[in-house]
Amino acid sequence: MDRPAVRDAALLLLRICLGVVFIAHGVDKMFLTGITDTARQFGAWGVPQPQLSAYIAAIGEMLGGAMLAVGLLTTLIAGLLALLAVMALYFVHLSQGFFVAQGGLEYTMVLAVALLMIVVFGAGRASLDEVLARVEP
């Protein structure tokens, strides 16, 4: 099926859903769980430089999620968020099995693959990237 409008709508929906998920996780790390407890948990999981990594993850998820949702620097941001997801898989979820109820990898794996789809297919026409590309210099 080669229908650009359907493709663009699907990419928009995917970007918005992923953006909201990442914003929520970043807000949780920074404000709900808190950066101190997040860093402590990162340290327990063996994440290098847990304090710095907690800040990078929280800010990256909040800012990256917002940029992904509106489609700004989309492929770069999706790639960076996919890298964060792969790091979470490595440090946290691989040793916990498959199912998310036991802390397994299924949820994070789906996030990483969905982000890679955006890296491959781009933001679509319903994005700030597309609007900015149309602006005459």
Protein backbone atom coordinates (compact mmCIF):
# COMPACT_ATOMS: atom_id res chain seq x y z
CA MET A 1 0.00 0.00 0.00
CA ASP A 2 1.61 3.21 -1.17
CA ARG A 3 -0.57 5.89 0.41
CA PRO A 4 1.51 8.82 1.63
CA ALA A 5 -1.29 10.32 3.73
CA VAL A 6 -1.79 7.04 5.63
CA ARG A 7 1.97 6.66 6.08
CA ASP A 8 2.28 10.22 7.41
CA ALA A 9 -0.68 9.76 9.77
CA ALA A 10 0.80 6.52 11.10
CA LEU A 11 4.20 8.16 11.65
CA LEU A 12 2.54 11.10 13.40
CA LEU A 13 0.59 8.78 15.70
CA LEU A 14 3.72 6.74 16.44
CA ARG A 15 5.78 9.86 17.16
CA ILE A 16 3.17 11.33 19.49
CA CYS A 17 2.67 8.07 21.41
CA LEU A 18 6.41 7.49 21.80
CA GLY A 19 6.96 11.13 22.72
CA VAL A 20 4.36 10.99 25.49
CA VAL A 21 5.85 7.75 26.84
CA PHE A 22 9.36 9.20 26.96
CA ILE A 23 8.21 12.49 28.49
CA ALA A 24 6.38 10.55 31.22
CA HIS A 25 9.43 8.40 31.98
CA GLY A 26 11.68 11.46 32.09
CA VAL A 27 9.30 13.30 34.43
CA ASP A 28 9.20 10.22 36.64
CA LYS A 29 12.99 10.02 36.84
CA MET A 30 13.44 13.73 37.51
CA PHE A 31 10.45 14.65 39.68
CA LEU A 32 8.40 11.67 40.89
CA THR A 33 10.98 9.03 41.76
CA GLY A 34 13.50 11.85 41.92
CA ILE A 35 16.96 12.11 40.47
CA THR A 36 18.67 10.93 43.68
CA ASP A 37 16.68 7.69 43.86
CA THR A 38 16.96 7.24 40.10
CA ALA A 39 20.75 7.56 40.35
CA ARG A 40 20.79 5.11 43.27
CA GLN A 41 18.84 2.59 41.21
CA PHE A 42 21.11 3.14 38.21
CA GLY A 43 24.10 2.42 40.46
CA ALA A 44 22.50 -0.81 41.69
CA TRP A 45 22.03 -1.88 38.07
CA GLY A 46 25.68 -1.18 37.27
CA VAL A 47 25.07 1.84 35.05
CA PRO A 48 28.34 3.83 34.75
CA GLN A 49 28.37 7.29 36.36
CA PRO A 50 24.88 6.77 37.82
CA GLN A 51 24.30 10.40 38.88
CA LEU A 52 25.29 11.80 35.48
CA SER A 53 23.49 8.97 33.68
CA ALA A 54 20.29 9.68 35.64
CA TYR A 55 20.36 13.34 34.60
CA ILE A 56 21.14 12.45 30.98
CA ALA A 57 18.32 9.89 30.89
CA ALA A 58 15.73 12.14 32.57
CA ILE A 59 16.50 15.26 30.54
CA GLY A 60 17.00 13.25 27.36
CA GLU A 61 13.65 11.53 27.77
CA MET A 62 11.75 14.74 28.53
CA LEU A 63 13.36 16.90 25.84
CA GLY A 64 13.73 14.08 23.33
CA GLY A 65 10.13 12.98 23.85
CA ALA A 66 8.85 16.49 23.21
CA MET A 67 11.02 16.90 20.10
CA LEU A 68 9.93 13.49 18.82
CA ALA A 69 6.24 14.30 19.31
CA VAL A 70 6.45 17.52 17.29
CA GLY A 71 8.86 16.08 14.75
CA LEU A 72 11.91 18.27 15.33
CA LEU A 73 15.30 16.75 14.42
CA THR A 74 13.30 13.56 14.37
CA THR A 75 15.69 10.94 13.05
CA LEU A 76 18.54 12.16 15.27
CA ILE A 77 16.33 12.24 18.37
CA ALA A 78 14.77 8.85 17.58
CA GLY A 79 18.27 7.40 17.19
CA LEU A 80 19.43 8.85 20.51
CA LEU A 81 16.31 7.62 22.32
CA ALA A 82 16.80 4.19 20.72
CA LEU A 83 20.35 4.21 22.12
CA LEU A 84 18.94 4.99 25.59
CA ALA A 85 16.48 2.10 25.19
CA VAL A 86 19.25 -0.29 24.14
CA MET A 87 21.29 0.78 27.16
CA ALA A 88 18.27 0.09 29.39
CA LEU A 89 17.93 -3.33 27.77
CA TYR A 90 21.58 -4.11 28.46
CA PHE A 91 21.86 -2.79 32.02
CA VAL A 92 18.40 -3.63 33.33
CA HIS A 93 16.09 -5.83 31.32
CA LEU A 94 18.12 -8.62 29.67
CA SER A 95 18.76 -10.33 33.00
CA GLN A 96 15.07 -10.13 33.97
CA GLY A 97 13.66 -12.38 31.27
CA PHE A 98 11.10 -11.50 28.63
CA PHE A 99 7.89 -10.36 30.31
CA VAL A 100 7.53 -6.79 31.52
CA ALA A 101 5.70 -7.88 34.69
CA GLN A 102 9.01 -9.31 35.92
CA GLY A 103 11.04 -6.37 34.61
CA GLY A 104 11.80 -8.17 31.36
CA LEU A 105 12.78 -6.81 27.99
CA GLU A 106 9.54 -6.90 25.98
CA TYR A 107 8.40 -3.28 26.55
CA THR A 108 11.82 -1.69 26.10
CA MET A 109 12.49 -3.84 23.04
CA VAL A 110 9.25 -2.60 21.42
CA LEU A 111 10.23 1.02 22.19
CA ALA A 112 13.67 0.53 20.62
CA VAL A 113 12.25 -1.07 17.47
CA ALA A 114 9.53 1.60 17.11
CA LEU A 115 12.20 4.29 17.39
CA LEU A 116 14.28 2.53 14.74
CA MET A 117 11.23 2.61 12.45
CA ILE A 118 11.23 6.40 12.78
CA VAL A 119 14.97 6.51 12.09
CA VAL A 120 14.39 4.51 8.90
CA PHE A 121 11.18 6.17 7.65
CA GLY A 122 11.65 9.68 9.02
CA ALA A 123 9.18 12.04 10.63
CA GLY A 124 6.63 12.18 7.84
CA ARG A 125 5.04 15.29 6.40
CA ALA A 126 3.16 16.16 9.61
CA SER A 127 6.28 17.36 11.43
CA LEU A 128 8.28 20.46 12.18
CA ASP A 129 11.12 18.93 10.17
CA GLU A 130 8.90 19.04 7.08
CA VAL A 131 7.68 22.58 7.81
CA LEU A 132 11.24 23.84 8.28
CA ALA A 133 12.40 22.07 5.12
CA ARG A 134 9.81 24.00 3.11
CA VAL A 135 10.86 27.42 4.43
CA GLU A 136 12.78 29.39 1.83
CA PRO A 137 16.19 30.63 3.06
